[in-house]
Amino acid sequence: MAKAGTRQAVFFELHGVLLKPWTTREDYVQPSLMDGALEALQRLDPDQMDLFVASNQCEVAMGTLRERDFRKMQDALLEIFREHRIPIRKIYTCLYHPKGKGKWKKESVFRKPNIGMFKMAEHEFDLNLRRSWAICESTSDILAGSRAGLGTILLRTGQAGQDKTYDVQAHFTVDDVYAATDHIAQYEASMLR
């Protein structure tokens, strides 16, 4: 068996966790953060935990958005994080969907509930997934996090697990992303006692 990495991480879903749900292309390209999201990200110690985004973004595959719209949103989001000195290590996304259009129509090991995003991060950043967390809004997110061995925290924002795509329970359920990072901070502090 491969040796576990040494670093801890927190993986955030995008829409419904860090970003408000969008209804128009303009909403998507100019992302609006959920209340408390910046404060939530700032309270995690980057010396202790690496921060990542891990998100399915099927809108490109379905033809709702162009790939360049997704890239603009990602660039705008990274700029917000830089301005607030939030060290997001990497954004992992899957633009593919098995019912997508053209080149975007395919199965992918990176599409949650598969665990490709988490495994890639594990290898790229020497992570210990068993000491890491996934902050979720859908049952697909929860299942992927559980399959990868992460602690899962479901938020009551976004889909709030009401999609019912998979019959799965998160380890913890909290109100929002700030409450999730508060829970992580308390949990990690209790492990040091």
C-alpha atoms as a PDB file:
ATOM      1  CA  MET A   1       0.000   0.000   0.000  1.00  0.00           C
ATOM      2  CA  ALA A   2       1.248   3.493  -0.835  1.00  0.00           C
ATOM      3  CA  LYS A   3       2.410   5.687   2.018  1.00  0.00           C
ATOM      4  CA  ALA A   4      -0.086   8.383   3.035  1.00  0.00           C
ATOM      5  CA  GLY A   5       0.935  11.956   2.393  1.00  0.00           C
ATOM      6  CA  THR A   6       1.731  14.430   5.101  1.00  0.00           C
ATOM      7  CA  ARG A   7      -0.459  17.439   4.262  1.00  0.00           C
ATOM      8  CA  GLN A   8      -4.091  18.037   5.237  1.00  0.00           C
ATOM      9  CA  ALA A   9      -6.530  19.693   2.850  1.00  0.00           C
ATOM     10  CA  VAL A  10     -10.000  21.137   2.552  1.00  0.00           C
ATOM     11  CA  PHE A  11     -11.824  20.738  -0.770  1.00  0.00           C
ATOM     12  CA  PHE A  12     -14.647  23.200  -1.466  1.00  0.00           C
ATOM     13  CA  GLU A  13     -17.446  22.812  -3.988  1.00  0.00           C
ATOM     14  CA  LEU A  14     -18.067  26.030  -5.950  1.00  0.00           C
ATOM     15  CA  HIS A  15     -21.733  26.969  -6.462  1.00  0.00           C
ATOM     16  CA  GLY A  16     -23.832  26.668  -3.342  1.00  0.00           C
ATOM     17  CA  VAL A  17     -20.734  26.519  -1.112  1.00  0.00           C
ATOM     18  CA  LEU A  18     -18.334  29.324  -2.043  1.00  0.00           C
ATOM     19  CA  LEU A  19     -20.387  30.999  -4.780  1.00  0.00           C
ATOM     20  CA  LYS A  20     -24.016  32.026  -4.920  1.00  0.00           C
ATOM     21  CA  PRO A  21     -26.080  30.092  -7.461  1.00  0.00           C
ATOM     22  CA  TRP A  22     -26.164  31.798 -10.847  1.00  0.00           C
ATOM     23  CA  THR A  23     -29.041  32.408 -13.230  1.00  0.00           C
ATOM     24  CA  THR A  24     -27.454  34.374 -16.085  1.00  0.00           C
ATOM     25  CA  ARG A  25     -24.167  34.174 -17.984  1.00  0.00           C
ATOM     26  CA  GLU A  26     -23.141  37.501 -16.391  1.00  0.00           C
ATOM     27  CA  ASP A  27     -23.770  36.055 -12.912  1.00  0.00           C
ATOM     28  CA  TYR A  28     -21.533  33.137 -13.809  1.00  0.00           C
ATOM     29  CA  VAL A  29     -18.652  35.117 -15.339  1.00  0.00           C
ATOM     30  CA  GLN A  30     -18.610  37.653 -12.467  1.00  0.00           C
ATOM     31  CA  PRO A  31     -18.894  35.312  -9.491  1.00  0.00           C
ATOM     32  CA  SER A  32     -20.619  36.437  -6.316  1.00  0.00           C
ATOM     33  CA  LEU A  33     -19.389  34.834  -3.114  1.00  0.00           C
ATOM     34  CA  MET A  34     -21.715  33.385  -0.512  1.00  0.00           C
ATOM     35  CA  ASP A  35     -22.030  35.421   2.681  1.00  0.00           C
ATOM     36  CA  GLY A  36     -19.150  34.575   4.994  1.00  0.00           C
ATOM     37  CA  ALA A  37     -17.162  32.667   2.348  1.00  0.00           C
ATOM     38  CA  LEU A  38     -14.078  34.908   2.439  1.00  0.00           C
ATOM     39  CA  GLU A  39     -14.031  34.914   6.233  1.00  0.00           C
ATOM     40  CA  ALA A  40     -14.428  31.137   6.221  1.00  0.00           C
ATOM     41  CA  LEU A  41     -11.462  30.651   3.904  1.00  0.00           C
ATOM     42  CA  GLN A  42      -9.317  33.130   5.850  1.00  0.00           C
ATOM     43  CA  ARG A  43      -9.806  31.332   9.138  1.00  0.00           C
ATOM     44  CA  LEU A  44      -8.110  28.125   7.951  1.00  0.00           C
ATOM     45  CA  ASP A  45      -4.362  28.086   8.589  1.00  0.00           C
ATOM     46  CA  PRO A  46      -2.552  27.523   5.246  1.00  0.00           C
ATOM     47  CA  ASP A  47       0.456  26.202   7.173  1.00  0.00           C
ATOM     48  CA  GLN A  48      -1.750  23.411   8.482  1.00  0.00           C
ATOM     49  CA  MET A  49      -4.158  22.833   5.565  1.00  0.00           C
ATOM     50  CA  ASP A  50      -4.041  23.278   1.817  1.00  0.00           C
ATOM     51  CA  LEU A  51      -7.176  24.775   0.251  1.00  0.00           C
ATOM     52  CA  PHE A  52      -8.620  23.466  -3.013  1.00  0.00           C
ATOM     53  CA  VAL A  53     -11.737  23.805  -5.124  1.00  0.00           C
ATOM     54  CA  ALA A  54     -13.123  20.517  -6.506  1.00  0.00           C
ATOM     55  CA  SER A  55     -16.194  20.987  -8.656  1.00  0.00           C
ATOM     56  CA  ASN A  56     -18.233  19.433 -11.442  1.00  0.00           C
ATOM     57  CA  GLN A  57     -19.101  22.148 -13.972  1.00  0.00           C
ATOM     58  CA  CYS A  58     -21.386  20.416 -16.466  1.00  0.00           C
ATOM     59  CA  GLU A  59     -22.760  23.668 -17.922  1.00  0.00           C
ATOM     60  CA  VAL A  60     -20.014  23.603 -20.555  1.00  0.00           C
ATOM     61  CA  ALA A  61     -20.785  19.991 -21.498  1.00  0.00           C
ATOM     62  CA  MET A  62     -24.498  20.746 -21.730  1.00  0.00           C
ATOM     63  CA  GLY A  63     -23.955  23.801 -23.910  1.00  0.00           C
ATOM     64  CA  THR A  64     -25.394  26.237 -21.350  1.00  0.00           C
ATOM     65  CA  LEU A  65     -22.056  28.050 -21.167  1.00  0.00           C
ATOM     66  CA  ARG A  66     -18.991  28.324 -23.351  1.00  0.00           C
ATOM     67  CA  GLU A  67     -15.644  27.075 -22.104  1.00  0.00           C
ATOM     68  CA  ARG A  68     -14.319  30.639 -22.206  1.00  0.00           C
ATOM     69  CA  ASP A  69     -17.121  31.672 -19.801  1.00  0.00           C
ATOM     70  CA  PHE A  70     -15.874  29.046 -17.375  1.00  0.00           C
ATOM     71  CA  ARG A  71     -12.266  30.252 -17.760  1.00  0.00           C
ATOM     72  CA  LYS A  72     -13.335  33.880 -17.161  1.00  0.00           C
ATOM     73  CA  MET A  73     -15.181  32.848 -13.992  1.00  0.00           C
ATOM     74  CA  GLN A  74     -12.182  30.881 -12.772  1.00  0.00           C
ATOM     75  CA  ASP A  75      -9.807  33.810 -13.430  1.00  0.00           C
ATOM     76  CA  ALA A  76     -12.167  36.248 -11.677  1.00  0.00           C
ATOM     77  CA  LEU A  77     -12.450  33.921  -8.686  1.00  0.00           C
ATOM     78  CA  LEU A  78      -8.691  33.459  -8.410  1.00  0.00           C
ATOM     79  CA  GLU A  79      -8.265  37.244  -8.522  1.00  0.00           C
ATOM     80  CA  ILE A  80     -10.708  37.646  -5.618  1.00  0.00           C
ATOM     81  CA  PHE A  81      -8.746  35.047  -3.652  1.00  0.00           C
ATOM     82  CA  ARG A  82      -5.433  36.795  -4.415  1.00  0.00           C
ATOM     83  CA  GLU A  83      -6.831  40.175  -3.342  1.00  0.00           C
ATOM     84  CA  HIS A  84      -7.844  38.681   0.001  1.00  0.00           C
ATOM     85  CA  ARG A  85      -4.622  36.673   0.415  1.00  0.00           C
ATOM     86  CA  ILE A  86      -6.419  33.345   0.333  1.00  0.00           C
ATOM     87  CA  PRO A  87      -3.951  30.694  -0.876  1.00  0.00           C
ATOM     88  CA  ILE A  88      -6.087  28.365  -2.996  1.00  0.00           C
ATOM     89  CA  ARG A  89      -3.557  25.758  -4.128  1.00  0.00           C
ATOM     90  CA  LYS A  90      -5.495  24.649  -7.204  1.00  0.00           C
ATOM     91  CA  ILE A  91      -8.948  24.539  -8.750  1.00  0.00           C
ATOM     92  CA  TYR A  92      -9.917  21.051  -9.937  1.00  0.00           C
ATOM     93  CA  THR A  93     -12.943  20.862 -12.211  1.00  0.00           C
ATOM     94  CA  CYS A  94     -14.613  18.405 -14.527  1.00  0.00           C
ATOM     95  CA  LEU A  95     -16.287  19.973 -17.545  1.00  0.00           C
ATOM     96  CA  TYR A  96     -17.328  16.598 -19.013  1.00  0.00           C
ATOM     97  CA  HIS A  97     -20.698  14.894 -18.666  1.00  0.00           C
ATOM     98  CA  PRO A  98     -21.883  11.532 -20.070  1.00  0.00           C
ATOM     99  CA  LYS A  99     -24.899  13.316 -21.619  1.00  0.00           C
ATOM    100  CA  GLY A 100     -22.923  16.335 -22.813  1.00  0.00           C
ATOM    101  CA  LYS A 101     -22.460  17.640 -26.343  1.00  0.00           C
ATOM    102  CA  GLY A 102     -19.563  17.201 -28.755  1.00  0.00           C
ATOM    103  CA  LYS A 103     -16.129  16.761 -27.216  1.00  0.00           C
ATOM    104  CA  TRP A 104     -17.587  17.271 -23.731  1.00  0.00           C
ATOM    105  CA  LYS A 105     -19.731  14.125 -23.913  1.00  0.00           C
ATOM    106  CA  LYS A 106     -17.855  11.444 -22.034  1.00  0.00           C
ATOM    107  CA  GLU A 107     -17.395   9.669 -18.743  1.00  0.00           C
ATOM    108  CA  SER A 108     -14.529  10.955 -16.629  1.00  0.00           C
ATOM    109  CA  VAL A 109     -12.765   9.699 -13.520  1.00  0.00           C
ATOM    110  CA  PHE A 110     -12.713  13.348 -12.443  1.00  0.00           C
ATOM    111  CA  ARG A 111     -16.488  13.763 -12.466  1.00  0.00           C
ATOM    112  CA  LYS A 112     -17.850  13.377  -8.947  1.00  0.00           C
ATOM    113  CA  PRO A 113     -18.957  11.016  -7.475  1.00  0.00           C
ATOM    114  CA  ASN A 114     -15.726   9.583  -8.929  1.00  0.00           C
ATOM    115  CA  ILE A 115     -12.638  10.481  -6.938  1.00  0.00           C
ATOM    116  CA  GLY A 116     -10.181  11.513  -9.659  1.00  0.00           C
ATOM    117  CA  MET A 117      -9.912  15.130  -8.481  1.00  0.00           C
ATOM    118  CA  PHE A 118      -9.059  14.068  -4.946  1.00  0.00           C
ATOM    119  CA  LYS A 119      -6.566  11.410  -6.040  1.00  0.00           C
ATOM    120  CA  MET A 120      -4.818  13.831  -8.387  1.00  0.00           C
ATOM    121  CA  ALA A 121      -4.493  16.394  -5.587  1.00  0.00           C
ATOM    122  CA  GLU A 122      -3.238  13.675  -3.246  1.00  0.00           C
ATOM    123  CA  HIS A 123      -0.373  12.859  -5.603  1.00  0.00           C
ATOM    124  CA  GLU A 124       0.390  16.422  -6.703  1.00  0.00           C
ATOM    125  CA  PHE A 125       0.495  17.887  -3.186  1.00  0.00           C
ATOM    126  CA  ASP A 126       1.499  14.973  -0.907  1.00  0.00           C
ATOM    127  CA  LEU A 127      -1.901  14.957   0.824  1.00  0.00           C
ATOM    128  CA  ASN A 128      -3.235  12.629   3.457  1.00  0.00           C
ATOM    129  CA  LEU A 129      -6.856  12.339   2.342  1.00  0.00           C
ATOM    130  CA  ARG A 130      -7.841  10.537   5.551  1.00  0.00           C
ATOM    131  CA  ARG A 131      -6.953  13.743   7.436  1.00  0.00           C
ATOM    132  CA  SER A 132      -8.721  16.003   4.927  1.00  0.00           C
ATOM    133  CA  TRP A 133     -12.213  17.391   4.374  1.00  0.00           C
ATOM    134  CA  ALA A 134     -14.760  17.939   1.597  1.00  0.00           C
ATOM    135  CA  ILE A 135     -17.296  20.735   2.030  1.00  0.00           C
ATOM    136  CA  CYS A 136     -20.350  19.713   0.020  1.00  0.00           C
ATOM    137  CA  GLU A 137     -23.780  20.762  -1.213  1.00  0.00           C
ATOM    138  CA  SER A 138     -24.905  17.685  -3.158  1.00  0.00           C
ATOM    139  CA  THR A 139     -25.085  13.939  -2.630  1.00  0.00           C
ATOM    140  CA  SER A 140     -22.601  13.514  -5.496  1.00  0.00           C
ATOM    141  CA  ASP A 141     -20.086  15.612  -3.528  1.00  0.00           C
ATOM    142  CA  ILE A 142     -20.705  13.626  -0.346  1.00  0.00           C
ATOM    143  CA  LEU A 143     -20.305  10.280  -2.083  1.00  0.00           C
ATOM    144  CA  ALA A 144     -17.077  11.359  -3.793  1.00  0.00           C
ATOM    145  CA  GLY A 145     -15.621  12.657  -0.538  1.00  0.00           C
ATOM    146  CA  SER A 146     -16.610   9.481   1.309  1.00  0.00           C
ATOM    147  CA  ARG A 147     -15.169   7.232  -1.410  1.00  0.00           C
ATOM    148  CA  ALA A 148     -11.884   9.157  -1.215  1.00  0.00           C
ATOM    149  CA  GLY A 149     -11.759   8.778   2.573  1.00  0.00           C
ATOM    150  CA  LEU A 150     -12.329  12.450   3.412  1.00  0.00           C
ATOM    151  CA  GLY A 151     -14.460  13.811   6.209  1.00  0.00           C
ATOM    152  CA  THR A 152     -17.602  15.265   4.608  1.00  0.00           C
ATOM    153  CA  ILE A 153     -19.538  18.327   5.691  1.00  0.00           C
ATOM    154  CA  LEU A 154     -22.875  19.049   4.016  1.00  0.00           C
ATOM    155  CA  LEU A 155     -24.062  22.650   3.948  1.00  0.00           C
ATOM    156  CA  ARG A 156     -27.684  23.722   4.144  1.00  0.00           C
ATOM    157  CA  THR A 157     -26.945  26.154   1.310  1.00  0.00           C
ATOM    158  CA  GLY A 158     -27.040  25.396  -2.419  1.00  0.00           C
ATOM    159  CA  GLN A 159     -28.716  22.045  -3.070  1.00  0.00           C
ATOM    160  CA  ALA A 160     -28.326  21.199   0.627  1.00  0.00           C
ATOM    161  CA  GLY A 161     -28.231  17.493  -0.273  1.00  0.00           C
ATOM    162  CA  GLN A 162     -31.814  17.655  -1.548  1.00  0.00           C
ATOM    163  CA  ASP A 163     -30.837  16.446  -5.027  1.00  0.00           C
ATOM    164  CA  LYS A 164     -31.327  12.849  -3.738  1.00  0.00           C
ATOM    165  CA  THR A 165     -29.196  11.491  -6.573  1.00  0.00           C
ATOM    166  CA  TYR A 166     -27.411   9.156  -4.145  1.00  0.00           C
ATOM    167  CA  ASP A 167     -28.511   7.678  -0.838  1.00  0.00           C
ATOM    168  CA  VAL A 168     -25.613   8.871   1.285  1.00  0.00           C
ATOM    169  CA  GLN A 169     -25.110  10.839   4.500  1.00  0.00           C
ATOM    170  CA  ALA A 170     -22.400  13.375   5.273  1.00  0.00           C
ATOM    171  CA  HIS A 171     -20.366  13.021   8.444  1.00  0.00           C
ATOM    172  CA  PHE A 172     -21.641  16.433   9.584  1.00  0.00           C
ATOM    173  CA  THR A 173     -24.306  18.902   8.443  1.00  0.00           C
ATOM    174  CA  VAL A 174     -24.001  22.631   9.170  1.00  0.00           C
ATOM    175  CA  ASP A 175     -25.676  25.872   8.070  1.00  0.00           C
ATOM    176  CA  ASP A 176     -23.036  27.432   5.811  1.00  0.00           C
ATOM    177  CA  VAL A 177     -19.390  27.470   4.772  1.00  0.00           C
ATOM    178  CA  TYR A 178     -18.344  29.573   7.769  1.00  0.00           C
ATOM    179  CA  ALA A 179     -19.914  27.038  10.136  1.00  0.00           C
ATOM    180  CA  ALA A 180     -18.098  24.280   8.222  1.00  0.00           C
ATOM    181  CA  THR A 181     -14.673  25.865   8.672  1.00  0.00           C
ATOM    182  CA  ASP A 182     -15.540  26.569  12.318  1.00  0.00           C
ATOM    183  CA  HIS A 183     -16.331  22.871  12.741  1.00  0.00           C
ATOM    184  CA  ILE A 184     -13.033  21.890  11.097  1.00  0.00           C
ATOM    185  CA  ALA A 185     -11.067  24.294  13.305  1.00  0.00           C
ATOM    186  CA  GLN A 186     -12.727  22.929  16.461  1.00  0.00           C
ATOM    187  CA  TYR A 187     -12.260  19.322  15.366  1.00  0.00           C
ATOM    188  CA  GLU A 188      -8.582  19.837  14.554  1.00  0.00           C
ATOM    189  CA  ALA A 189      -7.984  21.677  17.856  1.00  0.00           C
ATOM    190  CA  SER A 190      -9.561  18.749  19.754  1.00  0.00           C
ATOM    191  CA  MET A 191      -7.142  16.362  18.000  1.00  0.00           C
ATOM    192  CA  LEU A 192      -4.200  18.294  19.495  1.00  0.00           C
ATOM    193  CA  ARG A 193      -5.413  17.890  23.082  1.00  0.00           C
END
